[in-house]
Amino acid sequence: MTTVYGHALFVYQTSTHQEDRCGDAAINLRALPEQRELIDHAASLLGKNRSDFMLEAACERARSVVLDQVFFNLDADKFRQFTAMLDRAPDPNPGLERLMAVKAPWSADAA
């Protein structure tokens, strides 16, 4: 996943396979009984165990927080690479061209 903010670039790669593996590091939490019951109930609704549910939810939130950052420093070489990507002509996209050719129903030209 690539996110661009101003003159900065952030590339964040995710792997669905990573979430499917058993981890090597333990994460311990303390929760109120009501919180544990809610988490267990939600996990059971998705057919997951508590650990898988909590790890998936925490990773989704962590990705969101990281991707919402608004400033990332780039060295001169990385910035040149970034601007070269922006200056490069986009690859042809016939599907997008077809979509953009469709007139909106509310447009006067659509009739």
Protein backbone atom coordinates (compact mmCIF):
# COMPACT_ATOMS: atom_id res chain seq x y z
CA MET A 1 0.00 0.00 0.00
CA THR A 2 1.41 3.40 -0.93
CA THR A 3 0.25 6.62 0.67
CA VAL A 4 1.30 10.06 -0.51
CA TYR A 5 1.05 13.20 1.59
CA GLY A 6 2.50 16.44 0.22
CA HIS A 7 6.18 15.91 -0.58
CA ALA A 8 6.43 12.62 1.23
CA LEU A 9 5.83 8.99 0.44
CA PHE A 10 5.03 6.11 2.71
CA VAL A 11 5.00 2.52 1.48
CA TYR A 12 3.42 -0.01 3.78
CA GLN A 13 3.31 -3.63 2.72
CA THR A 14 0.89 -6.05 4.23
CA SER A 15 0.75 -9.79 3.91
CA THR A 16 -2.40 -11.73 4.54
CA HIS A 17 -0.20 -14.78 5.15
CA GLN A 18 1.43 -13.09 8.11
CA GLU A 19 -1.86 -12.90 10.01
CA ASP A 20 -2.45 -16.62 9.43
CA ARG A 21 0.76 -17.72 11.16
CA CYS A 22 1.14 -18.40 14.84
CA GLY A 23 3.29 -15.71 16.36
CA ASP A 24 6.47 -16.08 18.35
CA ALA A 25 5.91 -13.14 20.69
CA ALA A 26 3.42 -13.11 23.54
CA ILE A 27 1.21 -10.09 24.17
CA ASN A 28 -0.52 -10.04 27.53
CA LEU A 29 -3.50 -7.85 28.36
CA ARG A 30 -5.69 -7.28 31.37
CA ALA A 31 -9.36 -6.65 30.70
CA LEU A 32 -12.55 -6.24 32.64
CA PRO A 33 -14.82 -9.29 32.60
CA GLU A 34 -17.35 -7.36 30.50
CA GLN A 35 -14.66 -6.52 27.94
CA ARG A 36 -13.53 -10.12 27.75
CA GLU A 37 -17.12 -11.31 27.29
CA LEU A 38 -17.72 -8.78 24.52
CA ILE A 39 -14.51 -9.76 22.74
CA ASP A 40 -15.30 -13.46 23.09
CA HIS A 41 -18.82 -12.92 21.77
CA ALA A 42 -17.61 -10.94 18.76
CA ALA A 43 -14.89 -13.50 18.05
CA SER A 44 -17.40 -16.36 18.18
CA LEU A 45 -19.69 -14.52 15.75
CA LEU A 46 -16.80 -14.54 13.26
CA GLY A 47 -15.78 -18.13 14.04
CA LYS A 48 -12.47 -17.00 15.53
CA ASN A 49 -10.78 -17.54 18.84
CA ARG A 50 -10.08 -14.64 21.16
CA SER A 51 -6.39 -14.37 20.28
CA ASP A 52 -6.94 -14.36 16.52
CA PHE A 53 -9.78 -11.84 16.84
CA MET A 54 -7.79 -9.49 19.07
CA LEU A 55 -4.63 -9.71 17.00
CA GLU A 56 -6.55 -9.03 13.77
CA ALA A 57 -8.39 -6.07 15.32
CA ALA A 58 -5.20 -4.63 16.79
CA CYS A 59 -3.31 -4.98 13.49
CA GLU A 60 -6.14 -3.32 11.54
CA ARG A 61 -6.11 -0.40 13.97
CA ALA A 62 -2.31 -0.18 13.92
CA ARG A 63 -2.30 -0.04 10.09
CA SER A 64 -4.91 2.70 10.21
CA VAL A 65 -2.87 4.76 12.66
CA VAL A 66 0.33 4.34 10.65
CA LEU A 67 -1.36 5.22 7.36
CA ASP A 68 -3.01 8.30 8.87
CA GLN A 69 0.35 9.88 9.59
CA VAL A 70 0.73 13.08 7.60
CA PHE A 71 4.47 13.53 7.37
CA PHE A 72 7.25 11.19 6.34
CA ASN A 73 10.78 12.33 5.64
CA LEU A 74 12.49 11.26 2.46
CA ASP A 75 16.14 11.58 1.62
CA ALA A 76 17.05 13.25 -1.70
CA ASP A 77 17.30 9.95 -3.60
CA LYS A 78 13.93 8.66 -2.39
CA PHE A 79 12.32 12.02 -3.18
CA ARG A 80 13.71 11.87 -6.75
CA GLN A 81 12.25 8.37 -7.10
CA PHE A 82 8.93 9.62 -5.77
CA THR A 83 8.75 12.60 -8.15
CA ALA A 84 9.75 10.35 -11.06
CA MET A 85 6.79 8.09 -10.23
CA LEU A 86 4.48 11.11 -10.20
CA ASP A 87 5.85 12.42 -13.51
CA ARG A 88 5.57 9.05 -15.27
CA ALA A 89 2.54 8.66 -17.53
CA PRO A 90 -0.04 6.27 -16.09
CA ASP A 91 -0.42 2.82 -17.60
CA PRO A 92 -3.38 2.46 -19.98
CA ASN A 93 -6.52 1.42 -18.15
CA PRO A 94 -9.34 0.45 -20.54
CA GLY A 95 -11.77 -0.16 -17.68
CA LEU A 96 -11.22 3.32 -16.29
CA GLU A 97 -11.54 4.83 -19.78
CA ARG A 98 -14.90 3.07 -20.25
CA LEU A 99 -16.07 4.23 -16.85
CA MET A 100 -15.08 7.83 -17.51
CA ALA A 101 -16.91 7.76 -20.86
CA VAL A 102 -20.26 6.98 -19.16
CA LYS A 103 -22.39 10.09 -18.76
CA ALA A 104 -23.91 10.70 -15.34
CA PRO A 105 -27.70 10.19 -15.26
CA TRP A 106 -28.17 13.72 -13.95
CA SER A 107 -26.06 15.23 -16.73
CA ALA A 108 -27.89 17.19 -19.42
CA ASP A 109 -25.85 15.29 -22.03
CA ALA A 110 -26.94 11.87 -20.71
CA ALA A 111 -30.32 11.86 -22.44
